PDB file of N, CA and C in Angstrom:
ATOM      1  N   MET A   1      78.286  91.656 121.499  1.00  0.00           N
ATOM      2  CA  MET A   1      79.070  91.288 120.154  1.00  0.00           C
ATOM      3  C   MET A   1      79.053  91.735 119.123  1.00  0.00           C
ATOM      4  N   ILE A   2      79.382  92.568 118.251  1.00  0.00           N
ATOM      5  CA  ILE A   2      79.180  93.069 116.966  1.00  0.00           C
ATOM      6  C   ILE A   2      79.543  92.044 115.650  1.00  0.00           C
ATOM      7  N   ARG A   3      78.701  92.201 115.104  1.00  0.00           N
ATOM      8  CA  ARG A   3      78.718  90.695 113.919  1.00  0.00           C
ATOM      9  C   ARG A   3      79.618  91.440 112.813  1.00  0.00           C
ATOM     10  N   LEU A   4      80.451  90.927 112.599  1.00  0.00           N
ATOM     11  CA  LEU A   4      81.593  90.927 110.651  1.00  0.00           C
ATOM     12  C   LEU A   4      80.848  89.985 109.784  1.00  0.00           C
ATOM     13  N   VAL A   5      81.271  91.328 108.219  1.00  0.00           N
ATOM     14  CA  VAL A   5      80.475  90.671 107.761  1.00  0.00           C
ATOM     15  C   VAL A   5      81.375  91.007 106.270  1.00  0.00           C
ATOM     16  N   GLN A   6      82.350  90.413 105.923  1.00  0.00           N
ATOM     17  CA  GLN A   6      83.238  90.880 104.736  1.00  0.00           C
ATOM     18  C   GLN A   6      83.061  90.833 103.171  1.00  0.00           C
ATOM     19  N   SER A   7      83.102  91.476 102.756  1.00  0.00           N
ATOM     20  CA  SER A   7      82.339  91.103 101.221  1.00  0.00           C
ATOM     21  C   SER A   7      83.216  89.982 100.308  1.00  0.00           C
ATOM     22  N   GLN A   8      82.671  89.509  99.503  1.00  0.00           N
ATOM     23  CA  GLN A   8      83.612  88.563  98.764  1.00  0.00           C
ATOM     24  C   GLN A   8      84.889  88.966  98.243  1.00  0.00           C
ATOM     25  N   GLU A   9      84.876  90.731  97.851  1.00  0.00           N
ATOM     26  CA  GLU A   9      85.861  90.730  97.327  1.00  0.00           C
ATOM     27  C   GLU A   9      87.222  91.322  97.944  1.00  0.00           C
ATOM     28  N   ALA A  10      86.886  91.940  98.701  1.00  0.00           N
ATOM     29  CA  ALA A  10      87.646  92.097 100.097  1.00  0.00           C
ATOM     30  C   ALA A  10      88.494  90.412 101.044  1.00  0.00           C
ATOM     31  N   GLU A  11      87.653  89.485 100.696  1.00  0.00           N
ATOM     32  CA  GLU A  11      88.445  88.505 101.012  1.00  0.00           C
ATOM     33  C   GLU A  11      89.172  87.826  99.828  1.00  0.00           C
ATOM     34  N   ALA A  12      88.797  88.332  98.606  1.00  0.00           N
ATOM     35  CA  ALA A  12      90.054  87.861  97.824  1.00  0.00           C
ATOM     36  C   ALA A  12      91.093  88.654  97.388  1.00  0.00           C
ATOM     37  N   GLU A  13      90.731  90.289  97.950  1.00  0.00           N
ATOM     38  CA  GLU A  13      91.864  90.874  98.363  1.00  0.00           C
ATOM     39  C   GLU A  13      92.952  90.531  99.394  1.00  0.00           C
ATOM     40  N   LEU A  14      92.579  89.723 100.684  1.00  0.00           N
ATOM     41  CA  LEU A  14      93.031  89.589 101.709  1.00  0.00           C
ATOM     42  C   LEU A  14      94.147  88.687 101.225  1.00  0.00           C
ATOM     43  N   VAL A  15      93.576  87.234 100.634  1.00  0.00           N
ATOM     44  CA  VAL A  15      93.983  85.982 100.120  1.00  0.00           C
ATOM     45  C   VAL A  15      95.040  86.586  99.027  1.00  0.00           C
ATOM     46  N   ALA A  16      94.856  86.973  97.689  1.00  0.00           N
ATOM     47  CA  ALA A  16      95.406  87.436  97.005  1.00  0.00           C
ATOM     48  C   ALA A  16      96.924  88.236  97.995  1.00  0.00           C
ATOM     49  N   ALA A  17      97.034  89.072  98.692  1.00  0.00           N
ATOM     50  CA  ALA A  17      97.876  90.055  99.766  1.00  0.00           C
ATOM     51  C   ALA A  17      98.730  88.858 100.421  1.00  0.00           C
ATOM     52  N   ARG A  18      97.660  88.080 101.025  1.00  0.00           N
ATOM     53  CA  ARG A  18      98.572  86.813 101.570  1.00  0.00           C
ATOM     54  C   ARG A  18      99.689  86.137 101.085  1.00  0.00           C
ATOM     55  N   ASN A  19      99.049  85.729  99.846  1.00  0.00           N
ATOM     56  CA  ASN A  19      99.926  84.682  98.609  1.00  0.00           C
ATOM     57  C   ASN A  19     100.996  85.790  98.247  1.00  0.00           C
ATOM     58  N   TYR A  20     100.829  87.139  98.004  1.00  0.00           N
ATOM     59  CA  TYR A  20     101.609  87.767  96.951  1.00  0.00           C
ATOM     60  C   TYR A  20     102.955  87.866  98.362  1.00  0.00           C
ATOM     61  N   TYR A  21     102.645  88.131  99.843  1.00  0.00           N
ATOM     62  CA  TYR A  21     103.738  88.182 101.022  1.00  0.00           C
ATOM     63  C   TYR A  21     104.331  86.745 101.023  1.00  0.00           C
ATOM     64  N   GLU A  22     103.884  85.838 100.920  1.00  0.00           N
ATOM     65  CA  GLU A  22     104.401  84.449 101.453  1.00  0.00           C
ATOM     66  C   GLU A  22     105.295  84.006  99.843  1.00  0.00           C
ATOM     67  N   SER A  23     104.935  84.657  98.885  1.00  0.00           N
ATOM     68  CA  SER A  23     105.370  83.936  97.743  1.00  0.00           C
ATOM     69  C   SER A  23     107.085  84.780  97.741  1.00  0.00           C
ATOM     70  N   LYS A  24     106.905  86.186  98.578  1.00  0.00           N
ATOM     71  CA  LYS A  24     108.367  86.583  98.779  1.00  0.00           C
ATOM     72  C   LYS A  24     109.447  86.279  99.712  1.00  0.00           C
ATOM     73  N   VAL A  25     108.697  85.771 100.843  1.00  0.00           N
ATOM     74  CA  VAL A  25     109.379  85.342 102.046  1.00  0.00           C
ATOM     75  C   VAL A  25     108.679  84.702 102.792  1.00  0.00           C
ATOM     76  N   GLY A  26     108.929  83.530 102.988  1.00  0.00           N
ATOM     77  CA  GLY A  26     107.565  82.379 103.833  1.00  0.00           C
ATOM     78  C   GLY A  26     107.975  82.607 105.116  1.00  0.00           C
ATOM     79  N   GLY A  27     106.759  82.739 105.831  1.00  0.00           N
ATOM     80  CA  GLY A  27     105.834  83.228 106.583  1.00  0.00           C
ATOM     81  C   GLY A  27     105.348  84.421 106.976  1.00  0.00           C
ATOM     82  N   LEU A  28     106.197  85.571 105.689  1.00  0.00           N
ATOM     83  CA  LEU A  28     105.940  86.992 105.568  1.00  0.00           C
ATOM     84  C   LEU A  28     103.874  86.902 105.363  1.00  0.00           C
ATOM     85  N   GLY A  29     103.420  85.748 104.668  1.00  0.00           N
ATOM     86  CA  GLY A  29     101.629  85.901 104.328  1.00  0.00           C
ATOM     87  C   GLY A  29     101.348  85.589 105.677  1.00  0.00           C
ATOM     88  N   ASP A  30     101.755  84.685 106.717  1.00  0.00           N
ATOM     89  CA  ASP A  30     101.208  84.381 107.431  1.00  0.00           C
ATOM     90  C   ASP A  30     101.178  85.580 108.253  1.00  0.00           C
ATOM     91  N   ARG A  31     102.168  86.891 108.767  1.00  0.00           N
ATOM     92  CA  ARG A  31     101.943  88.042 109.479  1.00  0.00           C
ATOM     93  C   ARG A  31     101.259  88.476 109.126  1.00  0.00           C
ATOM     94  N   PHE A  32     101.252  88.433 107.501  1.00  0.00           N
ATOM     95  CA  PHE A  32     100.527  89.799 107.376  1.00  0.00           C
ATOM     96  C   PHE A  32      99.068  89.210 107.900  1.00  0.00           C
ATOM     97  N   ILE A  33      98.553  88.194 107.842  1.00  0.00           N
ATOM     98  CA  ILE A  33      97.048  87.706 108.325  1.00  0.00           C
ATOM     99  C   ILE A  33      96.771  87.919 109.551  1.00  0.00           C
ATOM    100  N   THR A  34      98.124  87.928 111.084  1.00  0.00           N
ATOM    101  CA  THR A  34      98.168  87.665 112.231  1.00  0.00           C
ATOM    102  C   THR A  34      97.980  89.580 112.354  1.00  0.00           C
ATOM    103  N   ALA A  35      98.643  90.313 111.551  1.00  0.00           N
ATOM    104  CA  ALA A  35      98.258  91.832 111.216  1.00  0.00           C
ATOM    105  C   ALA A  35      97.051  92.054 110.668  1.00  0.00           C
ATOM    106  N   PHE A  36      96.544  91.501 109.582  1.00  0.00           N
ATOM    107  CA  PHE A  36      95.138  91.826 109.418  1.00  0.00           C
ATOM    108  C   PHE A  36      93.926  91.534 111.102  1.00  0.00           C
ATOM    109  N   THR A  37      94.153  90.527 111.270  1.00  0.00           N
ATOM    110  CA  THR A  37      93.552  89.481 112.335  1.00  0.00           C
ATOM    111  C   THR A  37      93.490  90.626 113.829  1.00  0.00           C
ATOM    112  N   SER A  38      94.551  91.253 114.362  1.00  0.00           N
ATOM    113  CA  SER A  38      94.709  92.216 115.080  1.00  0.00           C
ATOM    114  C   SER A  38      93.799  93.249 114.815  1.00  0.00           C
ATOM    115  N   THR A  39      93.688  93.971 113.376  1.00  0.00           N
ATOM    116  CA  THR A  39      93.518  94.949 113.248  1.00  0.00           C
ATOM    117  C   THR A  39      91.952  94.905 112.858  1.00  0.00           C
ATOM    118  N   ILE A  40      91.306  93.810 112.741  1.00  0.00           N
ATOM    119  CA  ILE A  40      89.553  93.579 113.065  1.00  0.00           C
ATOM    120  C   ILE A  40      89.077  92.999 114.268  1.00  0.00           C
ATOM    121  N   GLU A  41      89.885  92.906 115.470  1.00  0.00           N
ATOM    122  CA  GLU A  41      89.744  92.907 116.334  1.00  0.00           C
ATOM    123  C   GLU A  41      89.708  94.417 117.277  1.00  0.00           C
ATOM    124  N   SER A  42      91.002  95.306 116.788  1.00  0.00           N
ATOM    125  CA  SER A  42      90.480  96.488 117.026  1.00  0.00           C
ATOM    126  C   SER A  42      89.433  97.085 116.716  1.00  0.00           C
ATOM    127  N   ILE A  43      88.754  96.936 115.433  1.00  0.00           N
ATOM    128  CA  ILE A  43      87.824  97.631 114.693  1.00  0.00           C
ATOM    129  C   ILE A  43      86.361  97.269 115.525  1.00  0.00           C
ATOM    130  N   ARG A  44      86.539  95.427 116.187  1.00  0.00           N
ATOM    131  CA  ARG A  44      85.399  95.195 116.619  1.00  0.00           C
ATOM    132  C   ARG A  44      85.290  95.505 118.034  1.00  0.00           C
ATOM    133  N   ALA A  45      86.584  96.026 118.469  1.00  0.00           N
ATOM    134  CA  ALA A  45      86.448  96.374 119.910  1.00  0.00           C
ATOM    135  C   ALA A  45      85.865  97.948 120.516  1.00  0.00           C
ATOM    136  N   THR A  46      86.311  98.922 118.942  1.00  0.00           N
ATOM    137  CA  THR A  46      86.030 100.164 118.804  1.00  0.00           C
ATOM    138  C   THR A  46      85.548 100.802 117.823  1.00  0.00           C
ATOM    139  N   PRO A  47      84.462 100.194 117.350  1.00  0.00           N
ATOM    140  CA  PRO A  47      84.352 100.458 115.721  1.00  0.00           C
ATOM    141  C   PRO A  47      83.816 102.299 115.246  1.00  0.00           C
ATOM    142  N   ASP A  48      83.537 102.582 116.310  1.00  0.00           N
ATOM    143  CA  ASP A  48      83.301 104.231 115.920  1.00  0.00           C
ATOM    144  C   ASP A  48      84.660 105.268 116.553  1.00  0.00           C
ATOM    145  N   SER A  49      86.007 104.406 116.343  1.00  0.00           N
ATOM    146  CA  SER A  49      86.745 105.075 117.062  1.00  0.00           C
ATOM    147  C   SER A  49      88.069 105.718 115.884  1.00  0.00           C
ATOM    148  N   PHE A  50      87.730 105.027 115.004  1.00  0.00           N
ATOM    149  CA  PHE A  50      88.987 105.332 114.007  1.00  0.00           C
ATOM    150  C   PHE A  50      88.646 105.913 112.809  1.00  0.00           C
ATOM    151  N   ALA A  51      89.177 106.600 111.774  1.00  0.00           N
ATOM    152  CA  ALA A  51      89.275 107.869 111.170  1.00  0.00           C
ATOM    153  C   ALA A  51      88.270 107.527 109.885  1.00  0.00           C
ATOM    154  N   ARG A  52      87.400 108.538 109.712  1.00  0.00           N
ATOM    155  CA  ARG A  52      86.294 108.719 108.708  1.00  0.00           C
ATOM    156  C   ARG A  52      86.569 108.629 107.355  1.00  0.00           C
ATOM    157  N   TYR A  53      86.237 108.064 106.377  1.00  0.00           N
ATOM    158  CA  TYR A  53      87.328 108.170 104.570  1.00  0.00           C
ATOM    159  C   TYR A  53      86.425 109.282 104.259  1.00  0.00           C
ATOM    160  N   ARG A  54      87.340 110.210 103.714  1.00  0.00           N
ATOM    161  CA  ARG A  54      86.637 111.357 103.387  1.00  0.00           C
ATOM    162  C   ARG A  54      85.199 112.333 103.601  1.00  0.00           C
ATOM    163  N   ARG A  55      84.148 112.042 103.216  1.00  0.00           N
ATOM    164  CA  ARG A  55      83.222 112.815 103.871  1.00  0.00           C
ATOM    165  C   ARG A  55      81.669 111.400 103.854  1.00  0.00           C
ATOM    166  N   THR A  56      81.848 110.741 104.305  1.00  0.00           N
ATOM    167  CA  THR A  56      81.576 109.341 104.359  1.00  0.00           C
ATOM    168  C   THR A  56      81.241 108.705 105.529  1.00  0.00           C
ATOM    169  N   ASP A  57      80.102 107.609 105.949  1.00  0.00           N
ATOM    170  CA  ASP A  57      80.347 106.770 106.975  1.00  0.00           C
ATOM    171  C   ASP A  57      81.245 105.850 106.956  1.00  0.00           C
ATOM    172  N   LEU A  58      81.468 105.637 105.751  1.00  0.00           N
ATOM    173  CA  LEU A  58      83.081 104.562 105.385  1.00  0.00           C
ATOM    174  C   LEU A  58      84.086 104.838 106.930  1.00  0.00           C
ATOM    175  N   ARG A  59      85.244 104.374 107.336  1.00  0.00           N
ATOM    176  CA  ARG A  59      86.373 104.302 108.159  1.00  0.00           C
ATOM    177  C   ARG A  59      87.170 103.171 107.856  1.00  0.00           C
ATOM    178  N   SER A  60      88.367 104.271 107.889  1.00  0.00           N
ATOM    179  CA  SER A  60      89.797 103.300 107.318  1.00  0.00           C
ATOM    180  C   SER A  60      90.727 102.689 108.816  1.00  0.00           C
ATOM    181  N   VAL A  61      91.448 101.822 108.562  1.00  0.00           N
ATOM    182  CA  VAL A  61      92.130 101.738 109.803  1.00  0.00           C
ATOM    183  C   VAL A  61      93.853 101.088 108.921  1.00  0.00           C
ATOM    184  N   GLN A  62      94.572 101.505 109.055  1.00  0.00           N
ATOM    185  CA  GLN A  62      95.761 100.783 108.237  1.00  0.00           C
ATOM    186  C   GLN A  62      96.355  99.526 109.077  1.00  0.00           C
ATOM    187  N   ILE A  63      96.242  98.119 108.354  1.00  0.00           N
ATOM    188  CA  ILE A  63      97.166  97.144 108.508  1.00  0.00           C
ATOM    189  C   ILE A  63      98.803  97.262 108.796  1.00  0.00           C
ATOM    190  N   SER A  64      99.212  97.436 110.284  1.00  0.00           N
ATOM    191  CA  SER A  64     100.553  97.688 111.159  1.00  0.00           C
ATOM    192  C   SER A  64     101.358  97.087 110.105  1.00  0.00           C
ATOM    193  N   GLY A  65     102.146  97.845 109.865  1.00  0.00           N
ATOM    194  CA  GLY A  65     103.989  96.867 108.717  1.00  0.00           C
ATOM    195  C   GLY A  65     103.083  96.387 107.734  1.00  0.00           C
ATOM    196  N   PHE A  66     102.018  96.842 107.521  1.00  0.00           N
ATOM    197  CA  PHE A  66     101.856  96.418 105.757  1.00  0.00           C
ATOM    198  C   PHE A  66     101.331  97.771 105.097  1.00  0.00           C
ATOM    199  N   PRO A  67     102.131  98.241 104.032  1.00  0.00           N
ATOM    200  CA  PRO A  67     100.689  99.311 103.328  1.00  0.00           C
ATOM    201  C   PRO A  67      99.163  98.469 103.129  1.00  0.00           C
ATOM    202  N   TYR A  68      98.821  98.259 103.549  1.00  0.00           N
ATOM    203  CA  TYR A  68      97.164  97.925 103.287  1.00  0.00           C
ATOM    204  C   TYR A  68      96.533  98.877 104.694  1.00  0.00           C
ATOM    205  N   SER A  69      95.003  98.955 103.941  1.00  0.00           N
ATOM    206  CA  SER A  69      94.249  99.458 105.195  1.00  0.00           C
ATOM    207  C   SER A  69      92.968  98.691 105.027  1.00  0.00           C
ATOM    208  N   VAL A  70      91.981  98.430 105.956  1.00  0.00           N
ATOM    209  CA  VAL A  70      90.704  97.964 105.815  1.00  0.00           C
ATOM    210  C   VAL A  70      89.933  99.272 105.877  1.00  0.00           C
ATOM    211  N   PHE A  71      88.726  98.631 104.756  1.00  0.00           N
ATOM    212  CA  PHE A  71      87.848 100.112 104.580  1.00  0.00           C
ATOM    213  C   PHE A  71      86.663  99.345 105.410  1.00  0.00           C
ATOM    214  N   TYR A  72      86.174  99.913 106.087  1.00  0.00           N
ATOM    215  CA  TYR A  72      84.563  99.230 106.671  1.00  0.00           C
ATOM    216  C   TYR A  72      83.361 100.562 107.049  1.00  0.00           C
ATOM    217  N   LEU A  73      82.327  99.830 107.311  1.00  0.00           N
ATOM    218  CA  LEU A  73      80.832 100.562 107.354  1.00  0.00           C
ATOM    219  C   LEU A  73      80.873  99.808 108.780  1.00  0.00           C
ATOM    220  N   HIS A  74      80.420 101.038 109.534  1.00  0.00           N
ATOM    221  CA  HIS A  74      79.631  99.862 111.308  1.00  0.00           C
ATOM    222  C   HIS A  74      78.272 100.906 111.207  1.00  0.00           C
ATOM    223  N   GLU A  75      77.471  99.571 111.097  1.00  0.00           N
ATOM    224  CA  GLU A  75      75.940 100.258 111.175  1.00  0.00           C
ATOM    225  C   GLU A  75      74.952  99.269 111.788  1.00  0.00           C
ATOM    226  N   ARG A  76      74.313  99.753 112.943  1.00  0.00           N
ATOM    227  CA  ARG A  76      73.104  98.739 113.303  1.00  0.00           C
ATOM    228  C   ARG A  76      73.936  97.176 114.112  1.00  0.00           C
ATOM    229  N   GLY A  77      75.148  97.483 114.674  1.00  0.00           N
ATOM    230  CA  GLY A  77      75.391  96.335 115.339  1.00  0.00           C
ATOM    231  C   GLY A  77      76.911  95.535 114.022  1.00  0.00           C
ATOM    232  N   THR A  78      76.463  95.625 112.795  1.00  0.00           N
ATOM    233  CA  THR A  78      77.531  94.770 112.174  1.00  0.00           C
ATOM    234  C   THR A  78      78.409  95.924 111.453  1.00  0.00           C
ATOM    235  N   VAL A  79      79.959  95.275 111.232  1.00  0.00           N
ATOM    236  CA  VAL A  79      80.711  95.960 110.355  1.00  0.00           C
ATOM    237  C   VAL A  79      80.872  94.893 109.513  1.00  0.00           C
ATOM    238  N   TRP A  80      80.826  96.329 108.271  1.00  0.00           N
ATOM    239  CA  TRP A  80      80.842  95.510 107.097  1.00  0.00           C
ATOM    240  C   TRP A  80      82.439  95.804 106.150  1.00  0.00           C
ATOM    241  N   ILE A  81      82.875  94.980 105.993  1.00  0.00           N
ATOM    242  CA  ILE A  81      84.588  94.923 105.832  1.00  0.00           C
ATOM    243  C   ILE A  81      84.473  94.835 103.916  1.00  0.00           C
ATOM    244  N   ILE A  82      84.617  96.069 103.780  1.00  0.00           N
ATOM    245  CA  ILE A  82      84.494  96.406 102.545  1.00  0.00           C
ATOM    246  C   ILE A  82      85.374  96.251 101.273  1.00  0.00           C
ATOM    247  N   ALA A  83      86.613  96.682 101.843  1.00  0.00           N
ATOM    248  CA  ALA A  83      87.751  96.341 100.944  1.00  0.00           C
ATOM    249  C   ALA A  83      89.188  96.222 101.874  1.00  0.00           C
ATOM    250  N   VAL A  84      90.551  95.037 101.242  1.00  0.00           N
ATOM    251  CA  VAL A  84      91.946  95.103 102.004  1.00  0.00           C
ATOM    252  C   VAL A  84      92.150  95.276 101.585  1.00  0.00           C
ATOM    253  N   ALA A  85      92.405  97.101 101.493  1.00  0.00           N
ATOM    254  CA  ALA A  85      93.434  97.682  99.687  1.00  0.00           C
ATOM    255  C   ALA A  85      94.878  98.424 100.084  1.00  0.00           C
ATOM    256  N   HIS A  86      95.075  98.139  98.929  1.00  0.00           N
ATOM    257  CA  HIS A  86      97.190  98.526  99.475  1.00  0.00           C
ATOM    258  C   HIS A  86      96.924 100.060  98.757  1.00  0.00           C
ATOM    259  N   HIS A  87      97.529 100.828  99.715  1.00  0.00           N
ATOM    260  CA  HIS A  87      97.820 102.069 100.116  1.00  0.00           C
ATOM    261  C   HIS A  87      98.053 102.613  98.168  1.00  0.00           C
ATOM    262  N   GLN A  88      98.798 101.941  97.289  1.00  0.00           N
ATOM    263  CA  GLN A  88      98.986 102.185  95.889  1.00  0.00           C
ATOM    264  C   GLN A  88      98.115 102.150  94.591  1.00  0.00           C
ATOM    265  N   ARG A  89      97.085 101.272  95.350  1.00  0.00           N
ATOM    266  CA  ARG A  89      95.856 101.814  94.637  1.00  0.00           C
ATOM    267  C   ARG A  89      94.814 102.660  94.587  1.00  0.00           C
ATOM    268  N   ARG A  90      94.579 102.418  93.079  1.00  0.00           N
ATOM    269  CA  ARG A  90      93.367 104.051  93.343  1.00  0.00           C
ATOM    270  C   ARG A  90      92.510 103.773  94.121  1.00  0.00           C
ATOM    271  N   PRO A  91      92.309 105.318  94.853  1.00  0.00           N
ATOM    272  CA  PRO A  91      91.576 105.615  95.666  1.00  0.00           C
ATOM    273  C   PRO A  91      90.612 105.585  95.633  1.00  0.00           C
ATOM    274  N   GLY A  92      89.308 104.800  96.424  1.00  0.00           N
ATOM    275  CA  GLY A  92      88.094 104.741  96.400  1.00  0.00           C
ATOM    276  C   GLY A  92      87.865 103.963  94.801  1.00  0.00           C
ATOM    277  N   TYR A  93      88.100 102.956  94.817  1.00  0.00           N
ATOM    278  CA  TYR A  93      87.948 101.862  93.580  1.00  0.00           C
ATOM    279  C   TYR A  93      86.909 100.773  94.259  1.00  0.00           C
ATOM    280  N   TRP A  94      86.759 100.722  95.576  1.00  0.00           N
ATOM    281  CA  TRP A  94      85.852  99.797  96.446  1.00  0.00           C
ATOM    282  C   TRP A  94      84.595 100.223  96.764  1.00  0.00           C
ATOM    283  N   LEU A  95      83.878 101.816  96.437  1.00  0.00           N
ATOM    284  CA  LEU A  95      82.902 102.764  96.784  1.00  0.00           C
ATOM    285  C   LEU A  95      81.511 101.695  96.340  1.00  0.00           C
ATOM    286  N   SER A  96      81.674 101.121  95.108  1.00  0.00           N
ATOM    287  CA  SER A  96      80.573 100.515  94.406  1.00  0.00           C
ATOM    288  C   SER A  96      80.139  99.300  95.522  1.00  0.00           C
ATOM    289  N   ARG A  97      81.301  98.942  95.967  1.00  0.00           N
ATOM    290  CA  ARG A  97      80.818  97.658  96.926  1.00  0.00           C
ATOM    291  C   ARG A  97      80.007  97.922  98.189  1.00  0.00           C
ATOM    292  N   LEU A  98      79.531  99.000  98.817  1.00  0.00           N
ATOM    293  CA  LEU A  98      78.626  99.584  99.643  1.00  0.00           C
ATOM    294  C   LEU A  98      77.464  98.775  99.430  1.00  0.00           C
ATOM    295  N   PRO A  99      76.990  97.958 100.834  1.00  0.00           N
ATOM    296  CA  PRO A  99      75.659  97.286 100.837  1.00  0.00           C
ATOM    297  C   PRO A  99      74.266  98.350 100.780  1.00  0.00           C
ATOM    298  N   GLU A 100      73.648  97.542 100.098  1.00  0.00           N
ATOM    299  CA  GLU A 100      72.513  98.529  99.855  1.00  0.00           C
ATOM    300  C   GLU A 100      71.716  98.875 101.686  1.00  0.00           C
ATOM    301  N   ARG A 101      71.153  99.425 101.578  1.00  0.00           N
ATOM    302  CA  ARG A 101      71.379 100.404 103.291  1.00  0.00           C
ATOM    303  C   ARG A 101      69.383 100.852 102.929  1.00  0.00           C
TER     304      ARG A 101
END
């Protein structure tokens, strides 16, 4: 089983997005979390099958139905969730979060 580690910043982004959607329409925040969970399950099942981010070892997957992507690094049986990023936010703002290797 692939180990999953989520940065504190990614967790904060996830909670903020959920709260935002929930404040707009009741239940939409929960739908966002369901879509995120489905994305994470896909990453865990086939972590090396998703698109690379530029010319790095990072990969990204869009969260179905929402303008967010999960950026992650897969290394030695661990998936490091680096960011849950909105598509309109400055690209690569989260690159400083990469774990020490």
